[in-house]
Amino acid sequence: SECGREEPGGDMAYCIEGDIHFERLAVERADGSTV
């Protein structure tokens, strides 16, 4: 996610990245129902 937020020194931009190594993937809606 390339993102930003207002901080005491002004608007600051960031990049946060992630790397997940896993066995199984599922997808859910916000109510927990499976897609």
PDB file of all heavy atoms in Angstrom:
ATOM      1  N   SER A   1       0.860  -1.188   0.000  1.00  0.00           N
ATOM      2  CA  SER A   1       0.000   0.000   0.000  1.00  0.00           C
ATOM      3  C   SER A   1       0.889   1.228   0.000  1.00  0.00           C
ATOM      4  O   SER A   1       1.714   1.403   0.906  1.00  0.00           O
ATOM      5  CB  SER A   1      -0.915   0.018   1.229  1.00  0.00           C
ATOM      6  OG  SER A   1      -1.692   1.209   1.252  1.00  0.00           O
ATOM      7  N   GLU A   2       0.751   2.037  -1.020  1.00  0.00           N
ATOM      8  CA  GLU A   2       1.399   3.347  -1.048  1.00  0.00           C
ATOM      9  C   GLU A   2       0.402   4.319  -0.433  1.00  0.00           C
ATOM     10  O   GLU A   2      -0.696   4.504  -0.970  1.00  0.00           O
ATOM     11  CB  GLU A   2       1.746   3.725  -2.483  1.00  0.00           C
ATOM     12  CG  GLU A   2       2.802   2.805  -3.079  1.00  0.00           C
ATOM     13  CD  GLU A   2       3.002   3.003  -4.568  1.00  0.00           C
ATOM     14  OE1 GLU A   2       2.089   3.558  -5.238  1.00  0.00           O
ATOM     15  OE2 GLU A   2       4.060   2.597  -5.070  1.00  0.00           O
ATOM     16  N   CYS A   3       0.772   4.914   0.679  1.00  0.00           N
ATOM     17  CA  CYS A   3      -0.219   5.630   1.471  1.00  0.00           C
ATOM     18  C   CYS A   3       0.425   6.823   2.171  1.00  0.00           C
ATOM     19  O   CYS A   3       1.621   7.086   2.020  1.00  0.00           O
ATOM     20  CB  CYS A   3      -0.837   4.690   2.504  1.00  0.00           C
ATOM     21  SG  CYS A   3       0.368   3.910   3.607  1.00  0.00           S
ATOM     22  N   GLY A   4      -0.379   7.538   2.923  1.00  0.00           N
ATOM     23  CA  GLY A   4       0.135   8.689   3.651  1.00  0.00           C
ATOM     24  C   GLY A   4      -0.814   9.118   4.733  1.00  0.00           C
ATOM     25  O   GLY A   4      -1.966   8.661   4.803  1.00  0.00           O
ATOM     26  N   ARG A   5      -0.322   9.987   5.576  1.00  0.00           N
ATOM     27  CA  ARG A   5      -1.155  10.499   6.668  1.00  0.00           C
ATOM     28  C   ARG A   5      -0.619  11.849   7.121  1.00  0.00           C
ATOM     29  O   ARG A   5       0.552  12.176   6.905  1.00  0.00           O
ATOM     30  CB  ARG A   5      -1.189   9.512   7.838  1.00  0.00           C
ATOM     31  CG  ARG A   5       0.173   9.254   8.462  1.00  0.00           C
ATOM     32  CD  ARG A   5       0.118   8.148   9.481  1.00  0.00           C
ATOM     33  NE  ARG A   5       1.398   7.987  10.166  1.00  0.00           N
ATOM     34  CZ  ARG A   5       1.645   7.052  11.078  1.00  0.00           C
ATOM     35  NH1 ARG A   5       0.699   6.173  11.399  1.00  0.00           N
ATOM     36  NH2 ARG A   5       2.823   6.975  11.662  1.00  0.00           N
ATOM     37  N   GLU A   6      -1.488  12.594   7.772  1.00  0.00           N
ATOM     38  CA  GLU A   6      -1.106  13.883   8.329  1.00  0.00           C
ATOM     39  C   GLU A   6      -0.368  13.646   9.641  1.00  0.00           C
ATOM     40  O   GLU A   6      -0.862  12.940  10.518  1.00  0.00           O
ATOM     41  CB  GLU A   6      -2.351  14.739   8.557  1.00  0.00           C
ATOM     42  CG  GLU A   6      -2.045  16.151   9.046  1.00  0.00           C
ATOM     43  CD  GLU A   6      -1.349  17.000   7.995  1.00  0.00           C
ATOM     44  OE1 GLU A   6      -1.584  16.788   6.792  1.00  0.00           O
ATOM     45  OE2 GLU A   6      -0.560  17.874   8.406  1.00  0.00           O
ATOM     46  N   GLU A   7       0.826  14.246   9.745  1.00  0.00           N
ATOM     47  CA  GLU A   7       1.640  14.134  10.947  1.00  0.00           C
ATOM     48  C   GLU A   7       2.021  15.534  11.420  1.00  0.00           C
ATOM     49  O   GLU A   7       1.797  16.519  10.698  1.00  0.00           O
ATOM     50  CB  GLU A   7       2.871  13.272  10.674  1.00  0.00           C
ATOM     51  CG  GLU A   7       2.506  11.834  10.303  1.00  0.00           C
ATOM     52  CD  GLU A   7       3.711  10.924  10.155  1.00  0.00           C
ATOM     53  OE1 GLU A   7       4.859  11.412  10.243  1.00  0.00           O
ATOM     54  OE2 GLU A   7       3.503   9.709   9.948  1.00  0.00           O
ATOM     55  N   PRO A   8       2.571  15.660  12.634  1.00  0.00           N
ATOM     56  CA  PRO A   8       2.907  17.004  13.142  1.00  0.00           C
ATOM     57  C   PRO A   8       3.755  17.837  12.191  1.00  0.00           C
ATOM     58  O   PRO A   8       3.602  19.053  12.117  1.00  0.00           O
ATOM     59  CB  PRO A   8       3.647  16.694  14.442  1.00  0.00           C
ATOM     60  CG  PRO A   8       3.039  15.411  14.907  1.00  0.00           C
ATOM     61  CD  PRO A   8       2.777  14.624  13.659  1.00  0.00           C
ATOM     62  N   GLY A   9       4.636  17.183  11.423  1.00  0.00           N
ATOM     63  CA  GLY A   9       5.470  17.929  10.491  1.00  0.00           C
ATOM     64  C   GLY A   9       4.853  18.151   9.131  1.00  0.00           C
ATOM     65  O   GLY A   9       5.483  18.730   8.241  1.00  0.00           O
ATOM     66  N   GLY A  10       3.611  17.684   8.940  1.00  0.00           N
ATOM     67  CA  GLY A  10       2.959  17.820   7.639  1.00  0.00           C
ATOM     68  C   GLY A  10       2.557  16.460   7.093  1.00  0.00           C
ATOM     69  O   GLY A  10       2.684  15.424   7.751  1.00  0.00           O
ATOM     70  N   ASP A  11       2.083  16.454   5.862  1.00  0.00           N
ATOM     71  CA  ASP A  11       1.644  15.220   5.225  1.00  0.00           C
ATOM     72  C   ASP A  11       2.849  14.355   4.911  1.00  0.00           C
ATOM     73  O   ASP A  11       3.787  14.796   4.246  1.00  0.00           O
ATOM     74  CB  ASP A  11       0.861  15.547   3.948  1.00  0.00           C
ATOM     75  CG  ASP A  11       0.094  14.356   3.430  1.00  0.00           C
ATOM     76  OD1 ASP A  11      -0.424  13.574   4.251  1.00  0.00           O
ATOM     77  OD2 ASP A  11       0.009  14.192   2.194  1.00  0.00           O
ATOM     78  N   MET A  12       2.846  13.084   5.367  1.00  0.00           N
ATOM     79  CA  MET A  12       3.954  12.165   5.145  1.00  0.00           C
ATOM     80  C   MET A  12       3.485  10.988   4.294  1.00  0.00           C
ATOM     81  O   MET A  12       2.401  10.450   4.513  1.00  0.00           O
ATOM     82  CB  MET A  12       4.495  11.647   6.478  1.00  0.00           C
ATOM     83  CG  MET A  12       5.232  12.690   7.291  1.00  0.00           C
ATOM     84  SD  MET A  12       6.822  13.144   6.531  1.00  0.00           S
ATOM     85  CE  MET A  12       7.705  11.601   6.634  1.00  0.00           C
ATOM     86  N   ALA A  13       4.318  10.606   3.329  1.00  0.00           N
ATOM     87  CA  ALA A  13       4.005   9.479   2.453  1.00  0.00           C
ATOM     88  C   ALA A  13       4.832   8.265   2.852  1.00  0.00           C
ATOM     89  O   ALA A  13       5.991   8.386   3.273  1.00  0.00           O
ATOM     90  CB  ALA A  13       4.291   9.848   0.993  1.00  0.00           C
ATOM     91  N   TYR A  14       4.232   7.085   2.706  1.00  0.00           N
ATOM     92  CA  TYR A  14       4.880   5.836   3.086  1.00  0.00           C
ATOM     93  C   TYR A  14       4.575   4.758   2.049  1.00  0.00           C
ATOM     94  O   TYR A  14       3.621   4.861   1.270  1.00  0.00           O
ATOM     95  CB  TYR A  14       4.365   5.341   4.433  1.00  0.00           C
ATOM     96  CG  TYR A  14       4.704   6.223   5.602  1.00  0.00           C
ATOM     97  CD1 TYR A  14       3.832   7.241   6.001  1.00  0.00           C
ATOM     98  CD2 TYR A  14       5.882   6.034   6.325  1.00  0.00           C
ATOM     99  CE1 TYR A  14       4.134   8.047   7.086  1.00  0.00           C
ATOM    100  CE2 TYR A  14       6.188   6.840   7.414  1.00  0.00           C
ATOM    101  CZ  TYR A  14       5.310   7.845   7.788  1.00  0.00           C
ATOM    102  OH  TYR A  14       5.617   8.637   8.865  1.00  0.00           O
ATOM    103  N   CYS A  15       5.371   3.706   2.095  1.00  0.00           N
ATOM    104  CA  CYS A  15       5.034   2.466   1.400  1.00  0.00           C
ATOM    105  C   CYS A  15       5.158   1.343   2.421  1.00  0.00           C
ATOM    106  O   CYS A  15       6.211   1.185   3.052  1.00  0.00           O
ATOM    107  CB  CYS A  15       5.957   2.210   0.211  1.00  0.00           C
ATOM    108  SG  CYS A  15       5.555   0.681  -0.685  1.00  0.00           S
ATOM    109  N   ILE A  16       4.088   0.595   2.604  1.00  0.00           N
ATOM    110  CA  ILE A  16       4.116  -0.581   3.465  1.00  0.00           C
ATOM    111  C   ILE A  16       3.873  -1.801   2.585  1.00  0.00           C
ATOM    112  O   ILE A  16       2.948  -1.817   1.764  1.00  0.00           O
ATOM    113  CB  ILE A  16       3.098  -0.473   4.621  1.00  0.00           C
ATOM    114  CG1 ILE A  16       3.207  -1.696   5.535  1.00  0.00           C
ATOM    115  CG2 ILE A  16       1.690  -0.242   4.127  1.00  0.00           C
ATOM    116  CD1 ILE A  16       2.447  -1.558   6.847  1.00  0.00           C
ATOM    117  N   GLU A  17       4.733  -2.801   2.728  1.00  0.00           N
ATOM    118  CA  GLU A  17       4.683  -4.002   1.903  1.00  0.00           C
ATOM    119  C   GLU A  17       4.688  -5.230   2.801  1.00  0.00           C
ATOM    120  O   GLU A  17       5.165  -5.184   3.933  1.00  0.00           O
ATOM    121  CB  GLU A  17       5.904  -4.072   0.976  1.00  0.00           C
ATOM    122  CG  GLU A  17       6.110  -2.846   0.109  1.00  0.00           C
ATOM    123  CD  GLU A  17       7.465  -2.868  -0.586  1.00  0.00           C
ATOM    124  OE1 GLU A  17       7.584  -3.545  -1.625  1.00  0.00           O
ATOM    125  OE2 GLU A  17       8.404  -2.238  -0.073  1.00  0.00           O
ATOM    126  N   GLY A  18       4.176  -6.322   2.284  1.00  0.00           N
ATOM    127  CA  GLY A  18       4.148  -7.550   3.048  1.00  0.00           C
ATOM    128  C   GLY A  18       4.413  -8.764   2.189  1.00  0.00           C
ATOM    129  O   GLY A  18       4.216  -8.746   0.973  1.00  0.00           O
ATOM    130  N   ASP A  19       4.853  -9.824   2.856  1.00  0.00           N
ATOM    131  CA  ASP A  19       5.209 -11.074   2.199  1.00  0.00           C
ATOM    132  C   ASP A  19       4.751 -12.196   3.120  1.00  0.00           C
ATOM    133  O   ASP A  19       5.257 -12.323   4.237  1.00  0.00           O
ATOM    134  CB  ASP A  19       6.730 -11.103   1.990  1.00  0.00           C
ATOM    135  CG  ASP A  19       7.217 -12.333   1.265  1.00  0.00           C
ATOM    136  OD1 ASP A  19       6.482 -12.835   0.406  1.00  0.00           O
ATOM    137  OD2 ASP A  19       8.342 -12.774   1.552  1.00  0.00           O
ATOM    138  N   ILE A  20       3.755 -12.982   2.692  1.00  0.00           N
ATOM    139  CA  ILE A  20       3.184 -14.045   3.512  1.00  0.00           C
ATOM    140  C   ILE A  20       3.411 -15.374   2.801  1.00  0.00           C
ATOM    141  O   ILE A  20       3.014 -15.543   1.647  1.00  0.00           O
ATOM    142  CB  ILE A  20       1.677 -13.818   3.739  1.00  0.00           C
ATOM    143  CG1 ILE A  20       1.426 -12.460   4.406  1.00  0.00           C
ATOM    144  CG2 ILE A  20       1.088 -14.944   4.595  1.00  0.00           C
ATOM    145  CD1 ILE A  20      -0.050 -12.081   4.479  1.00  0.00           C
ATOM    146  N   HIS A  21       4.045 -16.320   3.495  1.00  0.00           N
ATOM    147  CA  HIS A  21       4.275 -17.668   2.953  1.00  0.00           C
ATOM    148  C   HIS A  21       3.333 -18.619   3.684  1.00  0.00           C
ATOM    149  O   HIS A  21       3.370 -18.708   4.916  1.00  0.00           O
ATOM    150  CB  HIS A  21       5.732 -18.067   3.138  1.00  0.00           C
ATOM    151  CG  HIS A  21       6.673 -17.234   2.336  1.00  0.00           C
ATOM    152  ND1 HIS A  21       7.457 -17.759   1.328  1.00  0.00           N
ATOM    153  CD2 HIS A  21       6.945 -15.899   2.371  1.00  0.00           C
ATOM    154  CE1 HIS A  21       8.180 -16.782   0.781  1.00  0.00           C
ATOM    155  NE2 HIS A  21       7.876 -15.651   1.403  1.00  0.00           N
ATOM    156  N   PHE A  22       2.516 -19.340   2.960  1.00  0.00           N
ATOM    157  CA  PHE A  22       1.381 -20.046   3.546  1.00  0.00           C
ATOM    158  C   PHE A  22       1.102 -21.351   2.814  1.00  0.00           C
ATOM    159  O   PHE A  22       1.622 -21.606   1.723  1.00  0.00           O
ATOM    160  CB  PHE A  22       0.148 -19.139   3.492  1.00  0.00           C
ATOM    161  CG  PHE A  22      -0.287 -18.796   2.091  1.00  0.00           C
ATOM    162  CD1 PHE A  22      -1.265 -19.525   1.439  1.00  0.00           C
ATOM    163  CD2 PHE A  22       0.321 -17.742   1.391  1.00  0.00           C
ATOM    164  CE1 PHE A  22      -1.649 -19.221   0.140  1.00  0.00           C
ATOM    165  CE2 PHE A  22      -0.059 -17.430   0.096  1.00  0.00           C
ATOM    166  CZ  PHE A  22      -1.047 -18.175  -0.530  1.00  0.00           C
ATOM    167  N   GLU A  23       0.219 -22.150   3.424  1.00  0.00           N
ATOM    168  CA  GLU A  23      -0.184 -23.423   2.827  1.00  0.00           C
ATOM    169  C   GLU A  23      -1.531 -23.310   2.109  1.00  0.00           C
ATOM    170  O   GLU A  23      -1.703 -23.859   1.032  1.00  0.00           O
ATOM    171  CB  GLU A  23      -0.276 -24.503   3.919  1.00  0.00           C
ATOM    172  CG  GLU A  23       1.073 -24.921   4.482  1.00  0.00           C
ATOM    173  CD  GLU A  23       1.974 -25.550   3.434  1.00  0.00           C
ATOM    174  OE1 GLU A  23       1.463 -26.257   2.534  1.00  0.00           O
ATOM    175  OE2 GLU A  23       3.201 -25.317   3.510  1.00  0.00           O
ATOM    176  N   ARG A  24      -2.489 -22.614   2.718  1.00  0.00           N
ATOM    177  CA  ARG A  24      -3.848 -22.583   2.168  1.00  0.00           C
ATOM    178  C   ARG A  24      -4.379 -21.154   2.164  1.00  0.00           C
ATOM    179  O   ARG A  24      -4.084 -20.368   3.069  1.00  0.00           O
ATOM    180  CB  ARG A  24      -4.783 -23.475   3.004  1.00  0.00           C
ATOM    181  CG  ARG A  24      -4.419 -24.958   2.927  1.00  0.00           C
ATOM    182  CD  ARG A  24      -5.142 -25.759   3.984  1.00  0.00           C
ATOM    183  NE  ARG A  24      -4.758 -25.337   5.336  1.00  0.00           N
ATOM    184  CZ  ARG A  24      -3.644 -25.721   5.951  1.00  0.00           C
ATOM    185  NH1 ARG A  24      -2.792 -26.540   5.333  1.00  0.00           N
ATOM    186  NH2 ARG A  24      -3.365 -25.297   7.176  1.00  0.00           N
ATOM    187  N   LEU A  25      -5.200 -20.866   1.157  1.00  0.00           N
ATOM    188  CA  LEU A  25      -5.815 -19.542   1.017  1.00  0.00           C
ATOM    189  C   LEU A  25      -7.326 -19.703   0.898  1.00  0.00           C
ATOM    190  O   LEU A  25      -7.816 -20.546   0.139  1.00  0.00           O
ATOM    191  CB  LEU A  25      -5.277 -18.833  -0.223  1.00  0.00           C
ATOM    192  CG  LEU A  25      -5.975 -17.528  -0.626  1.00  0.00           C
ATOM    193  CD1 LEU A  25      -5.797 -16.458   0.458  1.00  0.00           C
ATOM    194  CD2 LEU A  25      -5.441 -17.023  -1.964  1.00  0.00           C
ATOM    195  N   ALA A  26      -8.042 -18.881   1.656  1.00  0.00           N
ATOM    196  CA  ALA A  26      -9.491 -18.783   1.527  1.00  0.00           C
ATOM    197  C   ALA A  26      -9.856 -17.312   1.428  1.00  0.00           C
ATOM    198  O   ALA A  26      -9.068 -16.438   1.765  1.00  0.00           O
ATOM    199  CB  ALA A  26     -10.192 -19.435   2.723  1.00  0.00           C
ATOM    200  N   VAL A  27     -11.069 -17.035   0.955  1.00  0.00           N
ATOM    201  CA  VAL A  27     -11.571 -15.664   0.845  1.00  0.00           C
ATOM    202  C   VAL A  27     -12.895 -15.583   1.591  1.00  0.00           C
ATOM    203  O   VAL A  27     -13.741 -16.472   1.463  1.00  0.00           O
ATOM    204  CB  VAL A  27     -11.750 -15.249  -0.626  1.00  0.00           C
ATOM    205  CG1 VAL A  27     -12.291 -13.820  -0.712  1.00  0.00           C
ATOM    206  CG2 VAL A  27     -10.422 -15.357  -1.384  1.00  0.00           C
ATOM    207  N   GLU A  28     -13.054 -14.513   2.361  1.00  0.00           N
ATOM    208  CA  GLU A  28     -14.294 -14.293   3.097  1.00  0.00           C
ATOM    209  C   GLU A  28     -14.800 -12.881   2.854  1.00  0.00           C
ATOM    210  O   GLU A  28     -14.021 -11.961   2.596  1.00  0.00           O
ATOM    211  CB  GLU A  28     -14.078 -14.478   4.609  1.00  0.00           C
ATOM    212  CG  GLU A  28     -13.721 -15.890   5.019  1.00  0.00           C
ATOM    213  CD  GLU A  28     -13.474 -15.992   6.514  1.00  0.00           C
ATOM    214  OE1 GLU A  28     -13.459 -14.931   7.190  1.00  0.00           O
ATOM    215  OE2 GLU A  28     -13.292 -17.112   7.010  1.00  0.00           O
ATOM    216  N   ARG A  29     -16.119 -12.715   2.989  1.00  0.00           N
ATOM    217  CA  ARG A  29     -16.712 -11.389   3.057  1.00  0.00           C
ATOM    218  C   ARG A  29     -16.548 -10.851   4.475  1.00  0.00           C
ATOM    219  O   ARG A  29     -16.112 -11.555   5.383  1.00  0.00           O
ATOM    220  CB  ARG A  29     -18.190 -11.450   2.667  1.00  0.00           C
ATOM    221  CG  ARG A  29     -18.418 -11.672   1.176  1.00  0.00           C
ATOM    222  CD  ARG A  29     -19.900 -11.698   0.867  1.00  0.00           C
ATOM    223  NE  ARG A  29     -20.138 -11.693  -0.568  1.00  0.00           N
ATOM    224  CZ  ARG A  29     -20.282 -10.600  -1.301  1.00  0.00           C
ATOM    225  NH1 ARG A  29     -20.203  -9.404  -0.728  1.00  0.00           N
ATOM    226  NH2 ARG A  29     -20.491 -10.676  -2.602  1.00  0.00           N
ATOM    227  N   ALA A  30     -16.938  -9.598   4.664  1.00  0.00           N
ATOM    228  CA  ALA A  30     -16.778  -8.975   5.974  1.00  0.00           C
ATOM    229  C   ALA A  30     -17.620  -9.655   7.042  1.00  0.00           C
ATOM    230  O   ALA A  30     -17.287  -9.608   8.228  1.00  0.00           O
ATOM    231  CB  ALA A  30     -17.126  -7.494   5.892  1.00  0.00           C
ATOM    232  N   ASP A  31     -18.724 -10.307   6.643  1.00  0.00           N
ATOM    233  CA  ASP A  31     -19.565 -10.999   7.617  1.00  0.00           C
ATOM    234  C   ASP A  31     -19.076 -12.406   7.930  1.00  0.00           C
ATOM    235  O   ASP A  31     -19.729 -13.144   8.681  1.00  0.00           O
ATOM    236  CB  ASP A  31     -21.019 -11.047   7.140  1.00  0.00           C
ATOM    237  CG  ASP A  31     -21.196 -11.828   5.834  1.00  0.00           C
ATOM    238  OD1 ASP A  31     -20.219 -12.422   5.333  1.00  0.00           O
ATOM    239  OD2 ASP A  31     -22.335 -11.828   5.299  1.00  0.00           O
ATOM    240  N   GLY A  32     -17.947 -12.799   7.348  1.00  0.00           N
ATOM    241  CA  GLY A  32     -17.382 -14.114   7.608  1.00  0.00           C
ATOM    242  C   GLY A  32     -17.825 -15.192   6.652  1.00  0.00           C
ATOM    243  O   GLY A  32     -17.318 -16.326   6.715  1.00  0.00           O
ATOM    244  N   SER A  33     -18.763 -14.897   5.760  1.00  0.00           N
ATOM    245  CA  SER A  33     -19.200 -15.909   4.796  1.00  0.00           C
ATOM    246  C   SER A  33     -18.106 -16.166   3.770  1.00  0.00           C
ATOM    247  O   SER A  33     -17.359 -15.269   3.382  1.00  0.00           O
ATOM    248  CB  SER A  33     -20.493 -15.468   4.105  1.00  0.00           C
ATOM    249  OG  SER A  33     -20.309 -14.240   3.418  1.00  0.00           O
ATOM    250  N   THR A  34     -18.015 -17.407   3.342  1.00  0.00           N
ATOM    251  CA  THR A  34     -16.939 -17.831   2.440  1.00  0.00           C
ATOM    252  C   THR A  34     -17.254 -17.476   0.988  1.00  0.00           C
ATOM    253  O   THR A  34     -18.391 -17.637   0.526  1.00  0.00           O
ATOM    254  CB  THR A  34     -16.726 -19.348   2.557  1.00  0.00           C
ATOM    255  OG1 THR A  34     -16.356 -19.670   3.902  1.00  0.00           O
ATOM    256  CG2 THR A  34     -15.622 -19.819   1.614  1.00  0.00           C
ATOM    257  N   VAL A  35     -16.234 -17.008   0.299  1.00  0.00           N
ATOM    258  CA  VAL A  35     -16.310 -16.801  -1.145  1.00  0.00           C
ATOM    259  C   VAL A  35     -15.379 -17.832  -1.785  1.00  0.00           C
ATOM    260  O   VAL A  35     -14.171 -17.777  -1.560  1.00  0.00           O
ATOM    261  CB  VAL A  35     -15.862 -15.381  -1.548  1.00  0.00           C
ATOM    262  CG1 VAL A  35     -15.926 -15.213  -3.060  1.00  0.00           C
ATOM    263  CG2 VAL A  35     -16.701 -14.335  -0.853  1.00  0.00           C
TER     264      VAL A  35
END
